[in-house]
Protein backbone atom coordinates (compact mmCIF):
# COMPACT_ATOMS: atom_id res chain seq x y z
CA UNK A 1 8.64 -9.87 -1.92
CA UNK A 2 11.23 -9.13 0.71
CA UNK A 3 13.90 -6.44 0.57
CA UNK A 4 17.29 -8.11 0.97
CA UNK A 5 20.89 -7.08 0.69
CA UNK A 6 23.71 -9.45 1.55
CA UNK A 7 21.19 -11.85 3.13
CA UNK A 8 20.08 -9.19 5.64
CA UNK A 9 16.53 -7.90 5.83
CA UNK A 10 16.56 -4.18 5.16
CA UNK A 11 12.87 -3.50 5.62
CA UNK A 12 10.31 -5.38 7.68
CA UNK A 13 6.57 -5.46 7.08
CA UNK A 14 4.58 -3.29 9.47
CA UNK A 15 1.60 -4.45 11.48
CA UNK A 16 -0.56 -2.40 9.12
CA UNK A 17 -1.44 -2.56 5.44
CA UNK A 18 -2.72 0.32 3.31
CA UNK A 19 -6.23 0.37 1.88
CA UNK A 20 -7.82 2.81 -0.59
CA UNK A 21 -11.07 4.48 0.38
CA UNK A 22 -12.52 4.43 -3.14
CA UNK A 23 -15.17 7.06 -2.43
CA UNK A 24 -12.41 9.59 -1.66
CA UNK A 25 -9.89 8.61 -4.36
CA UNK A 26 -9.81 10.88 -7.42
CA UNK A 27 -7.23 8.80 -9.33
CA UNK A 28 -4.41 11.37 -9.27
CA UNK A 29 -1.74 8.62 -8.90
CA UNK A 30 0.36 10.59 -6.40
CA UNK A 31 0.38 7.54 -4.12
CA UNK A 32 1.45 5.23 -6.94
CA UNK A 33 4.50 7.37 -7.67
CA UNK A 34 5.62 7.20 -4.02
CA UNK A 35 5.26 3.47 -3.38
CA UNK A 36 8.72 1.95 -3.30
CA UNK A 37 7.31 -1.60 -3.22
CA UNK A 38 5.13 -1.42 -6.34
CA UNK A 39 2.01 -2.22 -4.32
CA UNK A 40 -0.19 0.49 -5.82
CA UNK A 41 -1.85 0.27 -9.19
CA UNK A 42 -4.42 2.30 -11.08
CA UNK A 43 -7.64 0.93 -12.51
CA UNK A 44 -8.47 2.32 -15.93
CA UNK A 45 -12.08 1.18 -15.54
CA UNK A 46 -12.81 2.79 -12.16
CA UNK A 47 -10.19 5.55 -12.49
CA UNK A 48 -9.10 4.87 -8.93
CA UNK A 49 -6.01 3.57 -7.18
CA UNK A 50 -5.88 0.09 -5.71
CA UNK A 51 -3.38 -1.49 -3.33
CA UNK A 52 -2.11 -5.06 -3.55
CA UNK A 53 -1.88 -6.17 0.10
CA UNK A 54 0.60 -8.90 -0.83
CA UNK A 55 3.16 -6.25 -1.81
CA UNK A 56 2.27 -3.57 0.73
CA UNK A 57 4.73 -3.17 3.59
CA UNK A 58 2.47 -0.80 5.53
CA UNK A 59 4.99 2.05 5.63
CA UNK A 60 2.29 4.73 5.11
CA UNK A 61 4.22 6.90 2.66
CA UNK A 62 1.33 6.66 0.20
CA UNK A 63 -1.03 7.96 2.84
CA UNK A 64 1.06 11.03 3.52
CA UNK A 65 1.06 12.19 -0.12
CA UNK A 66 -2.68 11.73 -0.66
CA UNK A 67 -4.26 15.18 -0.47
CA UNK A 68 -7.75 13.66 -0.38
CA UNK A 69 -7.11 11.31 2.56
CA UNK A 70 -8.18 8.38 0.39
CA UNK A 71 -5.69 5.94 1.91
CA UNK A 72 -5.93 4.47 5.36
CA UNK A 73 -3.77 2.03 7.29
CA UNK A 74 -5.62 -0.96 8.71
CA UNK A 75 -4.26 -3.74 10.90
CA UNK A 76 -2.60 -6.43 8.81
CA UNK A 77 -4.57 -9.04 10.75
CA UNK A 78 -7.82 -7.66 9.25
CA UNK A 79 -6.72 -8.28 5.66
CA UNK A 80 -7.34 -11.84 4.47
CA UNK A 81 -4.45 -11.89 2.01
CA UNK A 82 -1.84 -10.10 4.11
CA UNK A 83 -2.55 -11.37 7.62
CA UNK A 84 0.09 -14.10 7.53
CA UNK A 85 2.76 -12.16 5.62
CA UNK A 86 5.51 -10.77 7.82
């Protein structure tokens, strides 16, 4: 998914991708409400957030709203799925 308008890129993927620290996540969904790319979901089974690295642009907005510091930004090159997405 790439943000386009009039064939111009409006937003570029960062060199980072977000990752949920499941031991710290309480499932409040604050991060999910802030993600403008639809990269964050919520597991009913584990009652925790999860991030789809294929849709994450690495902007870090989700990290700033998490009061429990359950989201971290890791280098995109360390994520198998996202390492070649720019």
